[in-house]
Amino acid sequence: MSSSVQRLEATGSALRDALANQDWAAIGELDLQCRMAVDAAMVDSRDEEELRNGLENLLSLYRELVTVCQTEQQRLAGELVQLNQSRQGAKVYQLFG
């Protein structure tokens, strides 16, 4: 296995761990590292089958990551709506209190 494909797999594994822990800062950093690892693997890898498998695994991980991010975004949007409604309710009580 070429070193660039190994780096790709190692970075993907670290990204999967960060996703499992919902470590968003690490995910952002690892995303950049994955992009660099993909670029390097595309240039260095001579084994197309190996490269294809590594990229397919990474694609699957990114699909999962997008789904989790969308779910988290919806959860946070709901919290913001509730916060805004609470603030508006508090303003009403202050007007009549």
C-alpha atoms as a PDB file:
ATOM      1  CA  MET A   1       0.000   0.000   0.000  1.00  0.00           C
ATOM      2  CA  SER A   2       1.411   3.376  -0.944  1.00  0.00           C
ATOM      3  CA  SER A   3       2.212   5.838   1.817  1.00  0.00           C
ATOM      4  CA  SER A   4      -0.203   8.421   0.388  1.00  0.00           C
ATOM      5  CA  VAL A   5      -3.096   5.941   0.487  1.00  0.00           C
ATOM      6  CA  GLN A   6      -2.100   4.959   4.031  1.00  0.00           C
ATOM      7  CA  ARG A   7      -2.133   8.641   4.978  1.00  0.00           C
ATOM      8  CA  LEU A   8      -5.549   8.952   3.370  1.00  0.00           C
ATOM      9  CA  GLU A   9      -6.865   6.040   5.420  1.00  0.00           C
ATOM     10  CA  ALA A  10      -5.273   7.299   8.648  1.00  0.00           C
ATOM     11  CA  THR A  11      -6.732  10.762   8.168  1.00  0.00           C
ATOM     12  CA  GLY A  12     -10.132   9.271   7.369  1.00  0.00           C
ATOM     13  CA  SER A  13      -9.961   7.150  10.506  1.00  0.00           C
ATOM     14  CA  ALA A  14      -9.112  10.197  12.623  1.00  0.00           C
ATOM     15  CA  LEU A  15     -11.997  12.066  10.989  1.00  0.00           C
ATOM     16  CA  ARG A  16     -14.360   9.198  11.813  1.00  0.00           C
ATOM     17  CA  ASP A  17     -13.227   9.297  15.463  1.00  0.00           C
ATOM     18  CA  ALA A  18     -13.715  13.067  15.623  1.00  0.00           C
ATOM     19  CA  LEU A  19     -17.188  12.649  14.133  1.00  0.00           C
ATOM     20  CA  ALA A  20     -18.073  10.002  16.709  1.00  0.00           C
ATOM     21  CA  ASN A  21     -17.014  12.450  19.452  1.00  0.00           C
ATOM     22  CA  GLN A  22     -18.648  15.411  17.687  1.00  0.00           C
ATOM     23  CA  ASP A  23     -15.342  17.279  17.955  1.00  0.00           C
ATOM     24  CA  TRP A  24     -16.186  19.977  15.431  1.00  0.00           C
ATOM     25  CA  ALA A  25     -12.849  21.797  15.716  1.00  0.00           C
ATOM     26  CA  ALA A  26     -10.947  18.592  14.962  1.00  0.00           C
ATOM     27  CA  ILE A  27     -13.331  17.805  12.104  1.00  0.00           C
ATOM     28  CA  GLY A  28     -12.553  21.143  10.465  1.00  0.00           C
ATOM     29  CA  GLU A  29      -8.823  20.556  10.737  1.00  0.00           C
ATOM     30  CA  LEU A  30      -9.036  16.939   9.597  1.00  0.00           C
ATOM     31  CA  ASP A  31     -11.173  17.943   6.624  1.00  0.00           C
ATOM     32  CA  LEU A  32      -8.284  20.072   5.370  1.00  0.00           C
ATOM     33  CA  GLN A  33      -5.864  17.220   5.985  1.00  0.00           C
ATOM     34  CA  CYS A  34      -8.150  14.826   4.070  1.00  0.00           C
ATOM     35  CA  ARG A  35      -8.191  17.177   1.106  1.00  0.00           C
ATOM     36  CA  MET A  36      -4.404  17.293   1.066  1.00  0.00           C
ATOM     37  CA  ALA A  37      -4.205  13.508   1.472  1.00  0.00           C
ATOM     38  CA  VAL A  38      -6.586  13.014  -1.476  1.00  0.00           C
ATOM     39  CA  ASP A  39      -4.484  15.320  -3.638  1.00  0.00           C
ATOM     40  CA  ALA A  40      -1.308  13.468  -2.694  1.00  0.00           C
ATOM     41  CA  ALA A  41      -2.890  10.048  -3.243  1.00  0.00           C
ATOM     42  CA  MET A  42      -4.154  11.070  -6.678  1.00  0.00           C
ATOM     43  CA  VAL A  43      -0.607  11.990  -7.691  1.00  0.00           C
ATOM     44  CA  ASP A  44       1.404   9.281  -5.915  1.00  0.00           C
ATOM     45  CA  SER A  45      -0.729   6.161  -6.027  1.00  0.00           C
ATOM     46  CA  ARG A  46       0.055   3.689  -8.771  1.00  0.00           C
ATOM     47  CA  ASP A  47      -2.477   1.083  -7.677  1.00  0.00           C
ATOM     48  CA  GLU A  48      -5.844   2.255  -9.007  1.00  0.00           C
ATOM     49  CA  GLU A  49      -7.812  -0.402  -7.116  1.00  0.00           C
ATOM     50  CA  GLU A  50      -6.230   0.599  -3.821  1.00  0.00           C
ATOM     51  CA  LEU A  51      -6.839   4.272  -4.513  1.00  0.00           C
ATOM     52  CA  ARG A  52     -10.447   3.660  -5.548  1.00  0.00           C
ATOM     53  CA  ASN A  53     -11.155   1.712  -2.355  1.00  0.00           C
ATOM     54  CA  GLY A  54      -9.614   4.447  -0.208  1.00  0.00           C
ATOM     55  CA  LEU A  55     -11.596   7.150  -1.962  1.00  0.00           C
ATOM     56  CA  GLU A  56     -14.852   5.169  -1.755  1.00  0.00           C
ATOM     57  CA  ASN A  57     -14.360   4.739   1.990  1.00  0.00           C
ATOM     58  CA  LEU A  58     -13.697   8.439   2.349  1.00  0.00           C
ATOM     59  CA  LEU A  59     -16.760   9.294   0.263  1.00  0.00           C
ATOM     60  CA  SER A  60     -18.912   7.130   2.511  1.00  0.00           C
ATOM     61  CA  LEU A  61     -17.480   8.881   5.560  1.00  0.00           C
ATOM     62  CA  TYR A  62     -18.200  12.305   4.069  1.00  0.00           C
ATOM     63  CA  ARG A  63     -21.793  11.306   3.331  1.00  0.00           C
ATOM     64  CA  GLU A  64     -22.166  10.351   6.981  1.00  0.00           C
ATOM     65  CA  LEU A  65     -20.473  13.587   8.037  1.00  0.00           C
ATOM     66  CA  VAL A  66     -22.841  15.702   5.929  1.00  0.00           C
ATOM     67  CA  THR A  67     -25.853  13.919   7.416  1.00  0.00           C
ATOM     68  CA  VAL A  68     -24.614  14.461  10.977  1.00  0.00           C
ATOM     69  CA  CYS A  69     -23.816  18.117  10.255  1.00  0.00           C
ATOM     70  CA  GLN A  70     -27.277  18.722   8.797  1.00  0.00           C
ATOM     71  CA  THR A  71     -28.885  17.120  11.838  1.00  0.00           C
ATOM     72  CA  GLU A  72     -26.762  19.236  14.170  1.00  0.00           C
ATOM     73  CA  GLN A  73     -27.593  22.366  12.179  1.00  0.00           C
ATOM     74  CA  GLN A  74     -31.323  21.648  12.497  1.00  0.00           C
ATOM     75  CA  ARG A  75     -30.963  21.031  16.231  1.00  0.00           C
ATOM     76  CA  LEU A  76     -29.117  24.314  16.719  1.00  0.00           C
ATOM     77  CA  ALA A  77     -31.644  26.197  14.590  1.00  0.00           C
ATOM     78  CA  GLY A  78     -34.426  24.838  16.820  1.00  0.00           C
ATOM     79  CA  GLU A  79     -32.570  25.995  19.914  1.00  0.00           C
ATOM     80  CA  LEU A  80     -32.132  29.478  18.427  1.00  0.00           C
ATOM     81  CA  VAL A  81     -35.843  29.700  17.632  1.00  0.00           C
ATOM     82  CA  GLN A  82     -36.700  28.720  21.210  1.00  0.00           C
ATOM     83  CA  LEU A  83     -34.208  31.234  22.573  1.00  0.00           C
ATOM     84  CA  ASN A  84     -35.684  34.031  20.458  1.00  0.00           C
ATOM     85  CA  GLN A  85     -39.218  33.097  21.535  1.00  0.00           C
ATOM     86  CA  SER A  86     -38.139  33.133  25.179  1.00  0.00           C
ATOM     87  CA  ARG A  87     -36.585  36.570  24.774  1.00  0.00           C
ATOM     88  CA  GLN A  88     -39.745  37.915  23.153  1.00  0.00           C
ATOM     89  CA  GLY A  89     -41.826  36.461  25.961  1.00  0.00           C
ATOM     90  CA  ALA A  90     -39.552  38.050  28.548  1.00  0.00           C
ATOM     91  CA  LYS A  91     -39.925  41.436  26.847  1.00  0.00           C
ATOM     92  CA  VAL A  92     -43.714  41.158  27.072  1.00  0.00           C
ATOM     93  CA  TYR A  93     -43.510  40.419  30.807  1.00  0.00           C
ATOM     94  CA  GLN A  94     -41.196  43.392  31.279  1.00  0.00           C
ATOM     95  CA  LEU A  95     -43.673  45.703  29.527  1.00  0.00           C
ATOM     96  CA  PHE A  96     -46.515  44.691  31.822  1.00  0.00           C
ATOM     97  CA  GLY A  97     -44.494  43.955  34.955  1.00  0.00           C
END
